[in-house]
Amino acid sequence: MASRRIIARIVGSAAPCPRGHSGQEEWDVTDGPPAGLCHWAWSSLYPFYVVLRHGGRFPWHKHDGPSTYIEVGCPDPDNAQRYRLEVVERG
């Protein structure tokens, strides 16, 4: 697992985020929640992060092997930031 990392980035937004997050932000979440990421966003990302962190596969992904990404929505219904968690190789 040390050769992989997990990146979270904003890939879409329905309205400005009240916490100031924008589509230009990206975080390395390999070792858990980074400083500056909204706690509500992390709470939404966490269950999916665990699957990616441990090499799991989401049952709705129609391929063999571990999943390498997932898109997750922010729980704030008024601004709906969309995050992408992605496994990338270090290097």
Protein backbone atom coordinates (compact mmCIF):
# COMPACT_ATOMS: atom_id res chain seq x y z
CA MET A 1 0.00 0.00 0.00
CA ALA A 2 2.98 2.33 0.49
CA SER A 3 3.39 2.79 -3.29
CA ARG A 4 -0.13 4.20 -3.64
CA ARG A 5 -1.72 7.37 -2.39
CA ILE A 6 -5.27 8.67 -2.36
CA ILE A 7 -6.09 12.10 -3.68
CA ALA A 8 -9.33 14.02 -3.07
CA ARG A 9 -10.20 16.87 -5.41
CA ILE A 10 -13.24 18.97 -6.13
CA VAL A 11 -14.58 18.15 -9.58
CA GLY A 12 -17.83 20.07 -9.58
CA SER A 13 -19.89 22.62 -7.71
CA ALA A 14 -23.51 23.72 -7.88
CA ALA A 15 -22.82 26.94 -5.94
CA PRO A 16 -20.03 28.58 -3.93
CA CYS A 17 -18.99 26.56 -0.89
CA PRO A 18 -19.60 28.39 2.41
CA ARG A 19 -16.26 27.00 3.66
CA GLY A 20 -14.47 28.57 0.68
CA HIS A 21 -13.54 25.36 -1.14
CA SER A 22 -13.21 25.72 -4.90
CA GLY A 23 -12.62 23.55 -7.93
CA GLN A 24 -8.92 24.31 -7.75
CA GLU A 25 -8.35 22.39 -4.51
CA GLU A 26 -6.78 18.98 -4.08
CA TRP A 27 -5.70 17.09 -0.97
CA ASP A 28 -3.55 14.05 -0.30
CA VAL A 29 -5.75 11.99 2.04
CA THR A 30 -3.61 8.84 2.07
CA ASP A 31 -3.06 9.02 5.82
CA GLY A 32 -6.45 10.44 6.75
CA PRO A 33 -8.15 13.83 6.83
CA PRO A 34 -5.89 16.74 5.87
CA ALA A 35 -5.85 20.11 7.56
CA GLY A 36 -8.21 22.52 5.87
CA LEU A 37 -10.72 20.03 4.48
CA CYS A 38 -14.23 20.63 5.77
CA HIS A 39 -15.26 18.07 8.40
CA TRP A 40 -18.63 17.57 6.72
CA ALA A 41 -16.93 16.78 3.43
CA TRP A 42 -14.56 14.34 5.14
CA SER A 43 -17.50 12.62 6.83
CA SER A 44 -19.01 12.00 3.39
CA LEU A 45 -15.73 10.84 1.87
CA TYR A 46 -14.60 8.60 4.72
CA PRO A 47 -16.57 5.37 4.02
CA PHE A 48 -15.38 5.43 0.40
CA TYR A 49 -11.83 6.36 1.43
CA VAL A 50 -11.67 3.22 3.61
CA VAL A 51 -12.58 1.00 0.66
CA LEU A 52 -9.95 2.61 -1.58
CA ARG A 53 -7.31 2.69 1.17
CA HIS A 54 -7.59 -1.04 1.75
CA GLY A 55 -7.78 -2.10 -1.90
CA GLY A 56 -11.49 -2.89 -1.92
CA ARG A 57 -13.95 -2.78 -4.77
CA PHE A 58 -17.32 -1.07 -4.93
CA PRO A 59 -19.93 -3.62 -6.02
CA TRP A 60 -21.37 -1.27 -8.66
CA HIS A 61 -18.01 -0.98 -10.44
CA LYS A 62 -18.28 -3.50 -13.27
CA HIS A 63 -14.63 -4.52 -13.52
CA ASP A 64 -12.38 -7.02 -11.82
CA GLY A 65 -9.84 -5.94 -9.23
CA PRO A 66 -9.85 -3.09 -6.75
CA SER A 67 -11.66 0.17 -7.41
CA THR A 68 -9.39 3.12 -8.17
CA TYR A 69 -11.80 6.06 -7.88
CA ILE A 70 -15.20 7.21 -6.70
CA GLU A 71 -17.12 10.51 -6.86
CA VAL A 72 -18.93 11.63 -3.73
CA GLY A 73 -21.20 14.61 -3.06
CA CYS A 74 -20.90 17.05 -0.20
CA PRO A 75 -23.78 16.70 2.28
CA ASP A 76 -24.66 20.41 2.03
CA PRO A 77 -27.77 20.43 -0.19
CA ASP A 78 -27.39 24.14 -0.97
CA ASN A 79 -23.95 24.05 -2.60
CA ALA A 80 -23.37 20.40 -3.60
CA GLN A 81 -19.61 20.27 -4.04
CA ARG A 82 -18.61 17.08 -5.84
CA TYR A 83 -15.40 15.34 -4.76
CA ARG A 84 -13.40 12.67 -6.56
CA LEU A 85 -11.31 10.24 -4.53
CA GLU A 86 -8.68 8.57 -6.66
CA VAL A 87 -5.89 6.08 -6.04
CA VAL A 88 -2.68 7.12 -7.78
CA GLU A 89 0.75 5.51 -7.90
CA ARG A 90 3.53 7.34 -6.10
CA GLY A 91 6.34 8.52 -8.21
